[in-house]
Structure formats: structure tokens, C-alpha cells
Amino acid sequence: MAITKETEIAKIEVVGIYTAVQVATDTVIKEDSVEISRSRHRHVLYPGTLDASDNLVVTDISGENSKVQAVANAVWTDAVKTTWKNKLIADKS
């Protein structure tokens, strides 16, 4: 009786004008190659955060799955990052 645990990217979505990247990850538990449990976790990635001087610190996606990295790198253009930075600054007031 071998029990294994696998992680799968279930869905990657790009949402909104600020191109948030939503990631759904499934954790699959199998016994003798037969799935016995599946749970889903979601997290959202934004282009960055502001530092104390209102500079945009781009989100570190190096720990993300390569597919997630590819999507984020494709959609987080310089224009998107600038728009996101301006929104964060405006939200502070």
C-alpha cells in the first residue's frame, strides 16, 4: 500500500485591469495510484508592492510553478506595472 501526495496546477486566470494572476493548486492524495483525496488552494499574485519611497517592488514569482511564472511575465508589462503602482499610491491617500 503506497500513499503518494502530488501537487497540480488546476487553473491559472488573469483577472481585472491590474492583471492579478489567480492560481488554483490541487493537492492529490493517492493510494496505490488511486485518488483518495483532493483539496484545492487558491492564491492571487499582483504585480508588486510599494516600498517606503513609493517605488514598485515587483512580486517575486521565482517560487511559483513555471507555468505561473510564464503567465505573470507575459501579462505584467511595464504599462501594467505603472498602472498598478499608480493605483497603490492613490489608495494610500
PDB file of N, CA and C in Angstrom:
ATOM      1  N   MET A   1       0.853  -1.176   0.000  1.00  0.00           N
ATOM      2  CA  MET A   1       0.000   0.000   0.000  1.00  0.00           C
ATOM      3  C   MET A   1       0.893   1.232   0.000  1.00  0.00           C
ATOM      4  N   ALA A   2       1.013   1.864  -1.160  1.00  0.00           N
ATOM      5  CA  ALA A   2       1.817   3.081  -1.291  1.00  0.00           C
ATOM      6  C   ALA A   2       0.913   4.300  -1.348  1.00  0.00           C
ATOM      7  N   ILE A   3       1.176   5.252  -0.452  1.00  0.00           N
ATOM      8  CA  ILE A   3       0.417   6.503  -0.440  1.00  0.00           C
ATOM      9  C   ILE A   3       1.334   7.598  -0.960  1.00  0.00           C
ATOM     10  N   THR A   4       0.823   8.362  -1.928  1.00  0.00           N
ATOM     11  CA  THR A   4       1.590   9.455  -2.513  1.00  0.00           C
ATOM     12  C   THR A   4       0.805  10.752  -2.436  1.00  0.00           C
ATOM     13  N   LYS A   5       1.539  11.841  -2.474  1.00  0.00           N
ATOM     14  CA  LYS A   5       0.940  13.181  -2.450  1.00  0.00           C
ATOM     15  C   LYS A   5       1.507  13.939  -3.637  1.00  0.00           C
ATOM     16  N   GLU A   6       0.624  14.494  -4.477  1.00  0.00           N
ATOM     17  CA  GLU A   6       1.033  15.245  -5.657  1.00  0.00           C
ATOM     18  C   GLU A   6       0.388  16.622  -5.625  1.00  0.00           C
ATOM     19  N   THR A   7       1.070  17.573  -6.225  1.00  0.00           N
ATOM     20  CA  THR A   7       0.527  18.919  -6.363  1.00  0.00           C
ATOM     21  C   THR A   7       0.377  19.214  -7.854  1.00  0.00           C
ATOM     22  N   GLU A   8      -0.810  19.717  -8.221  1.00  0.00           N
ATOM     23  CA  GLU A   8      -1.101  20.022  -9.621  1.00  0.00           C
ATOM     24  C   GLU A   8      -1.635  21.445  -9.742  1.00  0.00           C
ATOM     25  N   ILE A   9      -1.212  22.138 -10.781  1.00  0.00           N
ATOM     26  CA  ILE A   9      -1.820  23.433 -11.089  1.00  0.00           C
ATOM     27  C   ILE A   9      -3.145  23.135 -11.785  1.00  0.00           C
ATOM     28  N   ALA A  10      -4.240  23.524 -11.143  1.00  0.00           N
ATOM     29  CA  ALA A  10      -5.563  23.238 -11.692  1.00  0.00           C
ATOM     30  C   ALA A  10      -6.033  24.341 -12.637  1.00  0.00           C
ATOM     31  N   LYS A  11      -5.662  25.591 -12.310  1.00  0.00           N
ATOM     32  CA  LYS A  11      -6.155  26.710 -13.123  1.00  0.00           C
ATOM     33  C   LYS A  11      -5.271  27.931 -12.888  1.00  0.00           C
ATOM     34  N   ILE A  12      -5.028  28.664 -13.947  1.00  0.00           N
ATOM     35  CA  ILE A  12      -4.360  29.962 -13.871  1.00  0.00           C
ATOM     36  C   ILE A  12      -5.261  30.950 -14.605  1.00  0.00           C
ATOM     37  N   GLU A  13      -5.650  32.012 -13.900  1.00  0.00           N
ATOM     38  CA  GLU A  13      -6.531  33.013 -14.502  1.00  0.00           C
ATOM     39  C   GLU A  13      -5.905  34.393 -14.368  1.00  0.00           C
ATOM     40  N   VAL A  14      -6.101  35.228 -15.372  1.00  0.00           N
ATOM     41  CA  VAL A  14      -5.683  36.618 -15.324  1.00  0.00           C
ATOM     42  C   VAL A  14      -6.954  37.445 -15.199  1.00  0.00           C
ATOM     43  N   VAL A  15      -7.004  38.280 -14.152  1.00  0.00           N
ATOM     44  CA  VAL A  15      -8.252  38.954 -13.818  1.00  0.00           C
ATOM     45  C   VAL A  15      -8.047  40.456 -13.639  1.00  0.00           C
ATOM     46  N   GLY A  16      -8.939  41.233 -14.232  1.00  0.00           N
ATOM     47  CA  GLY A  16      -9.016  42.664 -13.979  1.00  0.00           C
ATOM     48  C   GLY A  16      -8.006  43.506 -14.735  1.00  0.00           C
ATOM     49  N   ILE A  17      -8.167  44.821 -14.608  1.00  0.00           N
ATOM     50  CA  ILE A  17      -7.301  45.747 -15.332  1.00  0.00           C
ATOM     51  C   ILE A  17      -5.878  45.761 -14.782  1.00  0.00           C
ATOM     52  N   TYR A  18      -5.710  45.291 -13.552  1.00  0.00           N
ATOM     53  CA  TYR A  18      -4.374  45.242 -12.954  1.00  0.00           C
ATOM     54  C   TYR A  18      -3.731  43.871 -13.133  1.00  0.00           C
ATOM     55  N   THR A  19      -4.370  43.031 -13.911  1.00  0.00           N
ATOM     56  CA  THR A  19      -3.886  41.700 -14.277  1.00  0.00           C
ATOM     57  C   THR A  19      -3.402  40.876 -13.085  1.00  0.00           C
ATOM     58  N   ALA A  20      -4.284  40.755 -12.102  1.00  0.00           N
ATOM     59  CA  ALA A  20      -3.998  39.834 -10.997  1.00  0.00           C
ATOM     60  C   ALA A  20      -3.939  38.425 -11.577  1.00  0.00           C
ATOM     61  N   VAL A  21      -3.006  37.636 -11.107  1.00  0.00           N
ATOM     62  CA  VAL A  21      -2.875  36.250 -11.559  1.00  0.00           C
ATOM     63  C   VAL A  21      -3.389  35.360 -10.439  1.00  0.00           C
ATOM     64  N   GLN A  22      -4.515  34.697 -10.702  1.00  0.00           N
ATOM     65  CA  GLN A  22      -5.110  33.795  -9.713  1.00  0.00           C
ATOM     66  C   GLN A  22      -4.670  32.369 -10.038  1.00  0.00           C
ATOM     67  N   VAL A  23      -4.216  31.671  -9.004  1.00  0.00           N
ATOM     68  CA  VAL A  23      -3.697  30.317  -9.188  1.00  0.00           C
ATOM     69  C   VAL A  23      -4.472  29.358  -8.288  1.00  0.00           C
ATOM     70  N   ALA A  24      -5.007  28.308  -8.896  1.00  0.00           N
ATOM     71  CA  ALA A  24      -5.664  27.238  -8.129  1.00  0.00           C
ATOM     72  C   ALA A  24      -4.755  26.013  -8.188  1.00  0.00           C
ATOM     73  N   THR A  25      -4.386  25.516  -7.018  1.00  0.00           N
ATOM     74  CA  THR A  25      -3.490  24.370  -6.911  1.00  0.00           C
ATOM     75  C   THR A  25      -4.220  23.237  -6.195  1.00  0.00           C
ATOM     76  N   ASP A  26      -4.193  22.057  -6.793  1.00  0.00           N
ATOM     77  CA  ASP A  26      -4.792  20.877  -6.168  1.00  0.00           C
ATOM     78  C   ASP A  26      -3.718  20.034  -5.504  1.00  0.00           C
ATOM     79  N   THR A  27      -4.027  19.558  -4.313  1.00  0.00           N
ATOM     80  CA  THR A  27      -3.191  18.564  -3.642  1.00  0.00           C
ATOM     81  C   THR A  27      -3.942  17.251  -3.739  1.00  0.00           C
ATOM     82  N   VAL A  28      -3.301  16.260  -4.348  1.00  0.00           N
ATOM     83  CA  VAL A  28      -3.947  14.973  -4.614  1.00  0.00           C
ATOM     84  C   VAL A  28      -3.238  13.884  -3.800  1.00  0.00           C
ATOM     85  N   ILE A  29      -4.033  13.163  -3.028  1.00  0.00           N
ATOM     86  CA  ILE A  29      -3.518  12.025  -2.258  1.00  0.00           C
ATOM     87  C   ILE A  29      -3.985  10.759  -2.966  1.00  0.00           C
ATOM     88  N   LYS A  30      -3.020   9.874  -3.218  1.00  0.00           N
ATOM     89  CA  LYS A  30      -3.344   8.615  -3.892  1.00  0.00           C
ATOM     90  C   LYS A  30      -2.863   7.430  -3.061  1.00  0.00           C
ATOM     91  N   GLU A  31      -3.627   6.367  -3.146  1.00  0.00           N
ATOM     92  CA  GLU A  31      -3.232   5.096  -2.539  1.00  0.00           C
ATOM     93  C   GLU A  31      -3.176   4.068  -3.659  1.00  0.00           C
ATOM     94  N   ASP A  32      -2.007   3.506  -3.869  1.00  0.00           N
ATOM     95  CA  ASP A  32      -1.797   2.557  -4.965  1.00  0.00           C
ATOM     96  C   ASP A  32      -2.302   3.130  -6.290  1.00  0.00           C
ATOM     97  N   SER A  33      -1.932   4.370  -6.550  1.00  0.00           N
ATOM     98  CA  SER A  33      -2.267   5.095  -7.784  1.00  0.00           C
ATOM     99  C   SER A  33      -3.745   5.424  -7.944  1.00  0.00           C
ATOM    100  N   VAL A  34      -4.547   5.199  -6.912  1.00  0.00           N
ATOM    101  CA  VAL A  34      -5.968   5.528  -6.951  1.00  0.00           C
ATOM    102  C   VAL A  34      -6.189   6.765  -6.079  1.00  0.00           C
ATOM    103  N   GLU A  35      -6.777   7.804  -6.684  1.00  0.00           N
ATOM    104  CA  GLU A  35      -7.022   9.039  -5.939  1.00  0.00           C
ATOM    105  C   GLU A  35      -8.009   8.796  -4.812  1.00  0.00           C
ATOM    106  N   ILE A  36      -7.601   9.202  -3.594  1.00  0.00           N
ATOM    107  CA  ILE A  36      -8.497   9.043  -2.445  1.00  0.00           C
ATOM    108  C   ILE A  36      -8.878  10.396  -1.825  1.00  0.00           C
ATOM    109  N   SER A  37      -8.156  11.441  -2.224  1.00  0.00           N
ATOM    110  CA  SER A  37      -8.457  12.754  -1.666  1.00  0.00           C
ATOM    111  C   SER A  37      -7.914  13.835  -2.599  1.00  0.00           C
ATOM    112  N   ARG A  38      -8.653  14.938  -2.676  1.00  0.00           N
ATOM    113  CA  ARG A  38      -8.205  16.100  -3.457  1.00  0.00           C
ATOM    114  C   ARG A  38      -8.688  17.353  -2.735  1.00  0.00           C
ATOM    115  N   SER A  39      -7.783  18.290  -2.558  1.00  0.00           N
ATOM    116  CA  SER A  39      -8.160  19.574  -1.970  1.00  0.00           C
ATOM    117  C   SER A  39      -7.575  20.689  -2.827  1.00  0.00           C
ATOM    118  N   ARG A  40      -8.249  21.834  -2.829  1.00  0.00           N
ATOM    119  CA  ARG A  40      -7.837  22.949  -3.683  1.00  0.00           C
ATOM    120  C   ARG A  40      -7.476  24.157  -2.825  1.00  0.00           C
ATOM    121  N   HIS A  41      -6.402  24.797  -3.218  1.00  0.00           N
ATOM    122  CA  HIS A  41      -5.946  26.028  -2.585  1.00  0.00           C
ATOM    123  C   HIS A  41      -5.829  27.089  -3.675  1.00  0.00           C
ATOM    124  N   ARG A  42      -6.245  28.301  -3.355  1.00  0.00           N
ATOM    125  CA  ARG A  42      -6.136  29.403  -4.313  1.00  0.00           C
ATOM    126  C   ARG A  42      -5.278  30.498  -3.708  1.00  0.00           C
ATOM    127  N   HIS A  43      -4.512  31.142  -4.557  1.00  0.00           N
ATOM    128  CA  HIS A  43      -3.810  32.350  -4.145  1.00  0.00           C
ATOM    129  C   HIS A  43      -3.745  33.305  -5.327  1.00  0.00           C
ATOM    130  N   VAL A  44      -3.581  34.577  -4.991  1.00  0.00           N
ATOM    131  CA  VAL A  44      -3.590  35.628  -6.007  1.00  0.00           C
ATOM    132  C   VAL A  44      -2.257  36.355  -5.965  1.00  0.00           C
ATOM    133  N   LEU A  45      -1.722  36.616  -7.142  1.00  0.00           N
ATOM    134  CA  LEU A  45      -0.472  37.353  -7.273  1.00  0.00           C
ATOM    135  C   LEU A  45      -0.750  38.687  -7.965  1.00  0.00           C
ATOM    136  N   TYR A  46      -0.211  39.754  -7.405  1.00  0.00           N
ATOM    137  CA  TYR A  46      -0.314  41.083  -8.008  1.00  0.00           C
ATOM    138  C   TYR A  46       1.071  41.503  -8.489  1.00  0.00           C
ATOM    139  N   PRO A  47       1.151  42.484  -9.375  1.00  0.00           N
ATOM    140  CA  PRO A  47       2.446  42.861  -9.951  1.00  0.00           C
ATOM    141  C   PRO A  47       3.508  43.318  -8.955  1.00  0.00           C
ATOM    142  N   GLY A  48       3.109  43.811  -7.781  1.00  0.00           N
ATOM    143  CA  GLY A  48       4.126  44.255  -6.831  1.00  0.00           C
ATOM    144  C   GLY A  48       3.520  44.982  -5.648  1.00  0.00           C
ATOM    145  N   THR A  49       4.417  45.529  -4.831  1.00  0.00           N
ATOM    146  CA  THR A  49       4.048  46.327  -3.665  1.00  0.00           C
ATOM    147  C   THR A  49       4.891  47.600  -3.689  1.00  0.00           C
ATOM    148  N   LEU A  50       4.535  48.539  -2.839  1.00  0.00           N
ATOM    149  CA  LEU A  50       5.302  49.776  -2.739  1.00  0.00           C
ATOM    150  C   LEU A  50       6.295  49.693  -1.593  1.00  0.00           C
ATOM    151  N   ASP A  51       7.474  50.281  -1.799  1.00  0.00           N
ATOM    152  CA  ASP A  51       8.402  50.415  -0.681  1.00  0.00           C
ATOM    153  C   ASP A  51       8.120  51.754   0.004  1.00  0.00           C
ATOM    154  N   ALA A  52       8.927  52.119   0.979  1.00  0.00           N
ATOM    155  CA  ALA A  52       8.696  53.341   1.756  1.00  0.00           C
ATOM    156  C   ALA A  52       8.790  54.605   0.902  1.00  0.00           C
ATOM    157  N   SER A  53       9.476  54.519  -0.229  1.00  0.00           N
ATOM    158  CA  SER A  53       9.620  55.683  -1.114  1.00  0.00           C
ATOM    159  C   SER A  53       8.660  55.651  -2.303  1.00  0.00           C
ATOM    160  N   ASP A  54       7.657  54.794  -2.234  1.00  0.00           N
ATOM    161  CA  ASP A  54       6.659  54.626  -3.299  1.00  0.00           C
ATOM    162  C   ASP A  54       7.243  54.078  -4.602  1.00  0.00           C
ATOM    163  N   ASN A  55       8.330  53.353  -4.506  1.00  0.00           N
ATOM    164  CA  ASN A  55       8.858  52.626  -5.661  1.00  0.00           C
ATOM    165  C   ASN A  55       8.164  51.274  -5.716  1.00  0.00           C
ATOM    166  N   LEU A  56       7.895  50.799  -6.906  1.00  0.00           N
ATOM    167  CA  LEU A  56       7.266  49.491  -7.050  1.00  0.00           C
ATOM    168  C   LEU A  56       8.314  48.397  -6.862  1.00  0.00           C
ATOM    169  N   VAL A  57       8.037  47.493  -5.945  1.00  0.00           N
ATOM    170  CA  VAL A  57       8.872  46.307  -5.742  1.00  0.00           C
ATOM    171  C   VAL A  57       8.112  45.167  -6.410  1.00  0.00           C
ATOM    172  N   VAL A  58       8.638  44.693  -7.524  1.00  0.00           N
ATOM    173  CA  VAL A  58       7.962  43.678  -8.320  1.00  0.00           C
ATOM    174  C   VAL A  58       7.856  42.376  -7.510  1.00  0.00           C
ATOM    175  N   THR A  59       6.706  41.733  -7.603  1.00  0.00           N
ATOM    176  CA  THR A  59       6.460  40.489  -6.882  1.00  0.00           C
ATOM    177  C   THR A  59       7.456  39.411  -7.305  1.00  0.00           C
ATOM    178  N   ASP A  60       8.054  38.761  -6.305  1.00  0.00           N
ATOM    179  CA  ASP A  60       8.987  37.661  -6.556  1.00  0.00           C
ATOM    180  C   ASP A  60       8.173  36.407  -6.861  1.00  0.00           C
ATOM    181  N   ILE A  61       8.245  35.952  -8.091  1.00  0.00           N
ATOM    182  CA  ILE A  61       7.494  34.766  -8.508  1.00  0.00           C
ATOM    183  C   ILE A  61       8.414  33.567  -8.721  1.00  0.00           C
ATOM    184  N   SER A  62       9.655  33.671  -8.260  1.00  0.00           N
ATOM    185  CA  SER A  62      10.633  32.604  -8.502  1.00  0.00           C
ATOM    186  C   SER A  62      10.224  31.277  -7.861  1.00  0.00           C
ATOM    187  N   GLY A  63       9.401  31.315  -6.830  1.00  0.00           N
ATOM    188  CA  GLY A  63       8.958  30.088  -6.176  1.00  0.00           C
ATOM    189  C   GLY A  63       7.692  29.492  -6.789  1.00  0.00           C
ATOM    190  N   GLU A  64       7.143  30.165  -7.775  1.00  0.00           N
ATOM    191  CA  GLU A  64       5.918  29.694  -8.419  1.00  0.00           C
ATOM    192  C   GLU A  64       6.236  28.658  -9.493  1.00  0.00           C
ATOM    193  N   ASN A  65       5.244  27.869  -9.830  1.00  0.00           N
ATOM    194  CA  ASN A  65       5.337  26.908 -10.914  1.00  0.00           C
ATOM    195  C   ASN A  65       5.743  27.634 -12.193  1.00  0.00           C
ATOM    196  N   SER A  66       6.488  26.965 -13.063  1.00  0.00           N
ATOM    197  CA  SER A  66       6.978  27.607 -14.291  1.00  0.00           C
ATOM    198  C   SER A  66       5.842  28.117 -15.181  1.00  0.00           C
ATOM    199  N   LYS A  67       4.689  27.446 -15.172  1.00  0.00           N
ATOM    200  CA  LYS A  67       3.547  27.918 -15.965  1.00  0.00           C
ATOM    201  C   LYS A  67       3.012  29.232 -15.406  1.00  0.00           C
ATOM    202  N   VAL A  68       2.962  29.337 -14.091  1.00  0.00           N
ATOM    203  CA  VAL A  68       2.506  30.569 -13.439  1.00  0.00           C
ATOM    204  C   VAL A  68       3.489  31.695 -13.743  1.00  0.00           C
ATOM    205  N   GLN A  69       4.781  31.405 -13.660  1.00  0.00           N
ATOM    206  CA  GLN A  69       5.798  32.403 -13.975  1.00  0.00           C
ATOM    207  C   GLN A  69       5.645  32.908 -15.412  1.00  0.00           C
ATOM    208  N   ALA A  70       5.417  31.998 -16.334  1.00  0.00           N
ATOM    209  CA  ALA A  70       5.276  32.374 -17.742  1.00  0.00           C
ATOM    210  C   ALA A  70       4.082  33.301 -17.946  1.00  0.00           C
ATOM    211  N   VAL A  71       2.964  32.990 -17.305  1.00  0.00           N
ATOM    212  CA  VAL A  71       1.772  33.832 -17.440  1.00  0.00           C
ATOM    213  C   VAL A  71       2.027  35.207 -16.831  1.00  0.00           C
ATOM    214  N   ALA A  72       2.552  35.241 -15.612  1.00  0.00           N
ATOM    215  CA  ALA A  72       2.814  36.524 -14.945  1.00  0.00           C
ATOM    216  C   ALA A  72       3.787  37.373 -15.756  1.00  0.00           C
ATOM    217  N   ASN A  73       4.845  36.769 -16.236  1.00  0.00           N
ATOM    218  CA  ASN A  73       5.828  37.524 -17.024  1.00  0.00           C
ATOM    219  C   ASN A  73       5.224  38.051 -18.326  1.00  0.00           C
ATOM    220  N   ALA A  74       4.278  37.331 -18.885  1.00  0.00           N
ATOM    221  CA  ALA A  74       3.639  37.771 -20.129  1.00  0.00           C
ATOM    222  C   ALA A  74       2.669  38.931 -19.908  1.00  0.00           C
ATOM    223  N   VAL A  75       1.935  38.900 -18.811  1.00  0.00           N
ATOM    224  CA  VAL A  75       0.881  39.905 -18.622  1.00  0.00           C
ATOM    225  C   VAL A  75       1.324  41.114 -17.802  1.00  0.00           C
ATOM    226  N   TRP A  76       2.363  40.982 -16.995  1.00  0.00           N
ATOM    227  CA  TRP A  76       2.826  42.113 -16.186  1.00  0.00           C
ATOM    228  C   TRP A  76       3.803  42.961 -16.992  1.00  0.00           C
ATOM    229  N   THR A  77       3.277  43.654 -17.965  1.00  0.00           N
ATOM    230  CA  THR A  77       4.076  44.536 -18.811  1.00  0.00           C
ATOM    231  C   THR A  77       4.476  45.780 -18.013  1.00  0.00           C
ATOM    232  N   ASP A  78       5.368  46.570 -18.569  1.00  0.00           N
ATOM    233  CA  ASP A  78       5.759  47.813 -17.902  1.00  0.00           C
ATOM    234  C   ASP A  78       4.558  48.729 -17.716  1.00  0.00           C
ATOM    235  N   ALA A  79       3.663  48.753 -18.695  1.00  0.00           N
ATOM    236  CA  ALA A  79       2.461  49.596 -18.588  1.00  0.00           C
ATOM    237  C   ALA A  79       1.563  49.123 -17.443  1.00  0.00           C
ATOM    238  N   VAL A  80       1.407  47.824 -17.312  1.00  0.00           N
ATOM    239  CA  VAL A  80       0.593  47.269 -16.222  1.00  0.00           C
ATOM    240  C   VAL A  80       1.229  47.598 -14.875  1.00  0.00           C
ATOM    241  N   LYS A  81       2.534  47.448 -14.778  1.00  0.00           N
ATOM    242  CA  LYS A  81       3.229  47.744 -13.521  1.00  0.00           C
ATOM    243  C   LYS A  81       3.077  49.211 -13.145  1.00  0.00           C
ATOM    244  N   THR A  82       3.142  50.098 -14.129  1.00  0.00           N
ATOM    245  CA  THR A  82       2.977  51.524 -13.859  1.00  0.00           C
ATOM    246  C   THR A  82       1.555  51.826 -13.394  1.00  0.00           C
ATOM    247  N   THR A  83       0.582  51.251 -14.061  1.00  0.00           N
ATOM    248  CA  THR A  83      -0.816  51.445 -13.673  1.00  0.00           C
ATOM    249  C   THR A  83      -1.060  50.915 -12.260  1.00  0.00           C
ATOM    250  N   TRP A  84      -0.500  49.758 -11.949  1.00  0.00           N
ATOM    251  CA  TRP A  84      -0.647  49.156 -10.615  1.00  0.00           C
ATOM    252  C   TRP A  84       0.025  50.040  -9.556  1.00  0.00           C
ATOM    253  N   LYS A  85       1.216  50.525  -9.848  1.00  0.00           N
ATOM    254  CA  LYS A  85       1.919  51.404  -8.915  1.00  0.00           C
ATOM    255  C   LYS A  85       1.096  52.652  -8.641  1.00  0.00           C
ATOM    256  N   ASN A  86       0.558  53.263  -9.683  1.00  0.00           N
ATOM    257  CA  ASN A  86      -0.259  54.480  -9.514  1.00  0.00           C
ATOM    258  C   ASN A  86      -1.503  54.194  -8.677  1.00  0.00           C
ATOM    259  N   LYS A  87      -2.102  53.029  -8.858  1.00  0.00           N
ATOM    260  CA  LYS A  87      -3.270  52.651  -8.063  1.00  0.00           C
ATOM    261  C   LYS A  87      -2.890  52.508  -6.594  1.00  0.00           C
ATOM    262  N   LEU A  88      -1.761  51.850  -6.320  1.00  0.00           N
ATOM    263  CA  LEU A  88      -1.317  51.681  -4.931  1.00  0.00           C
ATOM    264  C   LEU A  88      -1.036  53.011  -4.263  1.00  0.00           C
ATOM    265  N   ILE A  89      -0.409  53.925  -5.000  1.00  0.00           N
ATOM    266  CA  ILE A  89      -0.134  55.249  -4.459  1.00  0.00           C
ATOM    267  C   ILE A  89      -1.442  55.999  -4.189  1.00  0.00           C
ATOM    268  N   ALA A  90      -2.382  55.932  -5.128  1.00  0.00           N
ATOM    269  CA  ALA A  90      -3.679  56.603  -4.947  1.00  0.00           C
ATOM    270  C   ALA A  90      -4.443  56.019  -3.764  1.00  0.00           C
ATOM    271  N   ASP A  91      -4.322  54.718  -3.548  1.00  0.00           N
ATOM    272  CA  ASP A  91      -5.031  54.064  -2.426  1.00  0.00           C
ATOM    273  C   ASP A  91      -4.501  54.516  -1.072  1.00  0.00           C
ATOM    274  N   LYS A  92      -3.285  55.023  -1.027  1.00  0.00           N
ATOM    275  CA  LYS A  92      -2.698  55.464   0.240  1.00  0.00           C
ATOM    276  C   LYS A  92      -3.342  56.736   0.771  1.00  0.00           C
ATOM    277  N   SER A  93      -3.931  57.546  -0.130  1.00  0.00           N
ATOM    278  CA  SER A  93      -4.493  58.823   0.316  1.00  0.00           C
ATOM    279  C   SER A  93      -5.901  58.714   0.782  1.00  0.00           C
TER     280      SER A  93
END
